[in-house]
Amino acid sequence: MTVRALLANHGPDRTASPLTVTVVLPENTTAAGSFFPGTCLADSAGVTITCTFPAGLGVHRTAVVIIPARISASAPPSSRLDGGKVTVANTDDPDAKVRTVKFAIRTA
């Protein structure tokens, strides 16, 4: 399976500093394979992946993180794997809101 995180710059300006994206995979899920962009690094457990995008993301432009993932064989079938989240940090962000979105994965 593949986890994709779409980031968007809603303005008002082009980013002047890098974006750091942290993806925490849900329970019973680990990273498997190469990531996009190539700046992504996984922790030793393969659960937390951190990616950096360079400064310069334009207003109304997007960026994507792609993480191949593996669901554990011990995950119950037809279940919901909770605990996933994506956090974006940028020191230029004029809005003080936390930029975190939670997600879950449904098993077959």
Protein backbone atom coordinates (compact mmCIF):
# COMPACT_ATOMS: atom_id res chain seq x y z
CA MET A 1 0.00 0.00 0.00
CA THR A 2 1.05 3.62 -0.38
CA VAL A 3 0.54 6.57 1.97
CA ARG A 4 0.37 9.95 0.21
CA ALA A 5 0.38 13.35 1.90
CA LEU A 6 -0.51 16.37 -0.22
CA LEU A 7 0.74 19.75 1.04
CA ALA A 8 -0.55 23.10 -0.19
CA ASN A 9 0.71 26.64 0.25
CA HIS A 10 -2.40 28.80 0.68
CA GLY A 11 -0.31 31.96 0.89
CA PRO A 12 0.03 34.79 1.30
CA ASP A 13 3.66 34.34 0.12
CA ARG A 14 6.13 31.84 -1.32
CA THR A 15 7.82 29.88 1.50
CA ALA A 16 11.09 31.51 2.53
CA SER A 17 12.33 28.58 4.60
CA PRO A 18 12.21 24.79 4.23
CA LEU A 19 9.13 22.73 5.10
CA THR A 20 9.51 19.76 7.41
CA VAL A 21 6.88 17.05 7.06
CA THR A 22 6.60 14.29 9.65
CA VAL A 23 4.44 11.24 8.92
CA VAL A 24 3.64 8.80 11.72
CA LEU A 25 2.20 5.59 10.34
CA PRO A 26 -0.77 3.93 12.06
CA GLU A 27 -0.51 0.92 14.34
CA ASN A 28 0.56 -2.33 12.62
CA THR A 29 2.01 -0.38 9.68
CA THR A 30 5.68 0.19 8.76
CA ALA A 31 7.48 1.94 5.93
CA ALA A 32 8.69 -0.32 3.13
CA GLY A 33 10.81 0.80 0.22
CA SER A 34 11.99 4.11 -1.17
CA PHE A 35 10.28 7.40 -0.34
CA PHE A 36 9.46 10.51 -2.31
CA PRO A 37 11.01 12.97 -2.05
CA GLY A 38 14.46 11.47 -1.60
CA THR A 39 15.03 13.69 1.45
CA CYS A 40 12.71 11.50 3.55
CA LEU A 41 14.23 9.43 6.34
CA ALA A 42 12.55 6.78 8.50
CA ASP A 43 13.29 6.11 12.16
CA SER A 44 14.74 2.71 13.10
CA ALA A 45 11.25 1.25 13.65
CA GLY A 46 10.05 2.41 10.22
CA VAL A 47 7.06 4.17 11.80
CA THR A 48 8.04 7.86 11.75
CA ILE A 49 9.20 9.35 8.46
CA THR A 50 10.58 12.89 8.26
CA CYS A 51 10.88 14.74 4.94
CA THR A 52 12.27 18.17 4.09
CA PHE A 53 11.23 20.36 1.16
CA PRO A 54 13.43 23.33 0.20
CA ALA A 55 12.25 26.92 0.55
CA GLY A 56 10.34 28.37 -2.37
CA LEU A 57 7.00 26.57 -2.55
CA GLY A 58 4.86 29.09 -4.43
CA VAL A 59 1.45 30.39 -3.43
CA HIS A 60 -1.31 27.95 -4.48
CA ARG A 61 1.32 25.30 -5.28
CA THR A 62 1.44 21.80 -3.86
CA ALA A 63 4.01 19.22 -2.86
CA VAL A 64 3.55 15.52 -2.15
CA VAL A 65 5.10 12.91 0.14
CA ILE A 66 4.84 9.27 -0.99
CA ILE A 67 5.58 6.47 1.47
CA PRO A 68 5.31 2.80 0.50
CA ALA A 69 4.03 0.97 3.58
CA ARG A 70 3.42 -2.58 4.72
CA ILE A 71 0.57 -3.70 6.94
CA SER A 72 1.59 -6.29 9.50
CA ALA A 73 0.30 -9.83 8.96
CA SER A 74 -0.96 -9.68 12.54
CA ALA A 75 -3.33 -6.78 11.74
CA PRO A 76 -6.92 -8.00 11.99
CA PRO A 77 -8.76 -8.24 8.67
CA SER A 78 -11.51 -5.70 7.97
CA SER A 79 -10.25 -3.39 10.71
CA ARG A 80 -9.27 0.23 11.15
CA LEU A 81 -5.61 0.95 11.98
CA ASP A 82 -5.56 4.19 13.97
CA GLY A 83 -2.76 6.51 15.05
CA GLY A 84 -1.55 7.88 11.72
CA LYS A 85 -0.76 11.58 11.46
CA VAL A 86 0.95 14.09 9.20
CA THR A 87 2.50 17.26 10.64
CA VAL A 88 3.93 20.16 8.62
CA ALA A 89 6.29 22.69 10.19
CA ASN A 90 7.47 25.91 8.56
CA THR A 91 8.99 28.81 10.48
CA ASP A 92 7.47 31.30 7.99
CA ASP A 93 3.88 30.22 8.58
CA PRO A 94 1.98 33.39 9.57
CA ASP A 95 -0.83 31.29 11.05
CA ALA A 96 -0.12 29.91 14.52
CA LYS A 97 -2.44 26.90 14.04
CA VAL A 98 -0.95 23.45 14.43
CA ARG A 99 -0.60 21.83 11.03
CA THR A 100 -1.44 18.22 11.89
CA VAL A 101 -3.93 15.88 10.21
CA LYS A 102 -4.77 12.45 11.62
CA PHE A 103 -5.54 9.45 9.43
CA ALA A 104 -6.35 5.76 9.66
CA ILE A 105 -5.96 2.82 7.29
CA ARG A 106 -8.65 0.21 6.69
CA THR A 107 -7.47 -3.35 6.14
CA ALA A 108 -9.01 -5.67 3.57
